Protein backbone atom coordinates (compact mmCIF):
# COMPACT_ATOMS: atom_id res chain seq x y z
CA MET A 1 -12.20 45.40 0.91
CA THR A 2 -12.77 46.92 4.10
CA GLU A 3 -12.85 45.18 7.24
CA GLU A 4 -16.70 47.05 8.33
CA LYS A 5 -17.53 45.12 4.61
CA LEU A 6 -15.93 41.86 6.09
CA LEU A 7 -17.70 41.84 9.28
CA HIS A 8 -21.19 42.35 7.62
CA TYR A 9 -20.39 39.06 5.28
CA LEU A 10 -19.35 37.46 8.24
CA ASP A 11 -22.15 38.25 10.38
CA LEU A 12 -25.21 37.28 7.27
CA THR A 13 -23.16 33.83 7.00
CA LYS A 14 -23.52 33.73 10.54
CA ARG A 15 -27.03 34.61 11.31
CA ALA A 16 -27.81 31.52 7.78
CA ARG A 17 -25.86 29.46 9.55
CA ALA A 18 -27.44 29.43 12.82
CA LYS A 19 -31.58 30.41 10.82
CA ALA A 20 -31.23 27.29 8.51
CA THR A 21 -32.41 23.42 10.49
CA PRO A 22 -32.15 20.57 8.81
CA ILE A 23 -34.64 18.67 7.06
CA HIS A 24 -33.93 14.90 7.31
CA PRO A 25 -34.03 12.75 10.92
CA GLU A 26 -30.30 11.86 12.08
CA GLY A 27 -29.03 8.81 10.81
CA THR A 28 -30.45 9.38 6.80
CA PRO A 29 -28.09 9.66 3.78
CA GLU A 30 -29.56 13.03 3.48
CA ALA A 31 -27.93 13.96 6.98
CA LYS A 32 -24.87 12.64 6.41
CA GLN A 33 -24.42 14.47 2.92
CA LEU A 34 -25.85 17.82 4.63
CA GLU A 35 -23.04 17.26 7.72
CA ILE A 36 -20.35 16.71 4.69
CA MET A 37 -21.44 20.03 3.32
CA MET A 38 -22.29 22.23 6.91
CA ARG A 39 -18.73 21.69 7.82
CA MET A 40 -17.02 22.81 4.26
CA ALA A 41 -19.40 25.72 5.00
CA ASP A 42 -17.62 25.93 8.64
CA ASP A 43 -14.31 25.20 7.47
CA TYR A 44 -14.60 28.19 4.81
CA ALA A 45 -15.96 30.42 7.60
CA SER A 46 -13.15 29.75 9.96
CA ASP A 47 -10.73 30.40 6.90
CA ALA A 48 -12.28 33.91 6.54
CA ARG A 49 -11.95 34.76 9.76
CA HIS A 50 -8.39 33.52 9.69
CA PHE A 51 -7.35 35.40 6.42
CA MET A 52 -9.25 38.35 7.67
CA ASP A 53 -6.83 38.35 11.26
CA ASN A 54 -3.75 38.39 9.40
CA GLY A 55 -4.86 41.12 6.79
CA ASP A 56 -5.97 38.98 4.48
CA TYR A 57 -8.89 41.12 3.22
CA VAL A 58 -9.50 39.45 -0.41
CA ARG A 59 -8.83 35.68 0.42
CA ALA A 60 -11.05 36.61 3.73
CA PHE A 61 -14.14 37.97 1.42
CA GLY A 62 -13.71 34.88 -1.08
CA ALA A 63 -13.80 32.16 1.76
CA ILE A 64 -17.09 34.04 3.43
CA ASN A 65 -18.94 33.45 0.29
CA TYR A 66 -18.00 30.20 -0.49
CA ALA A 67 -18.82 29.36 3.38
CA HIS A 68 -22.45 31.03 2.57
CA ALA A 69 -22.41 29.05 -1.04
CA TRP A 70 -21.91 25.95 0.56
CA ILE A 71 -25.47 26.78 3.45
CA ASP A 72 -27.15 28.05 0.75
CA ALA A 73 -26.62 25.07 -2.01
CA SER A 74 -28.04 23.42 1.55
CA VAL A 75 -31.22 25.07 1.35
CA LYS A 76 -31.97 24.92 -2.61
CA LEU A 77 -31.23 21.25 -2.28
CA ARG A 78 -33.75 20.79 0.35
CA LEU A 79 -31.35 19.22 2.85
CA LEU A 80 -32.09 22.29 4.90
CA ASP A 81 -35.26 24.50 5.71
CA GLY A 82 -34.28 28.21 5.03
CA HIS A 83 -37.80 29.38 6.71
CA ASP A 84 -38.68 30.98 4.00
CA ASP A 85 -35.65 33.45 4.52
CA ASP A 86 -35.57 34.93 0.50
CA VAL A 87 -32.26 37.81 2.14
CA LEU A 88 -30.29 34.72 3.87
CA PHE A 89 -31.24 32.18 1.44
CA THR A 90 -31.51 31.70 -2.44
CA LEU A 91 -34.67 29.53 -1.65
CA PRO A 92 -35.90 26.60 -4.15
């Protein structure tokens, strides 16, 4: 694992996080579920950056994949709209 590859996956996940938009209005049970899932995604992305900054590229790679998986799962569960982007998401 190289820093270049990690930066690629960090960027990919950042783009996915920015592109996907909530489907359900605030205050709904689905929106509350999404909030939990996005917190997990954000925490794992933060962990990935921390691990990378400390030279632990293997853990960084694992963490960024978990982060992206939380976002992707939210699209798959129809909590987020992936806007038909089949590069960033596994669409429903």
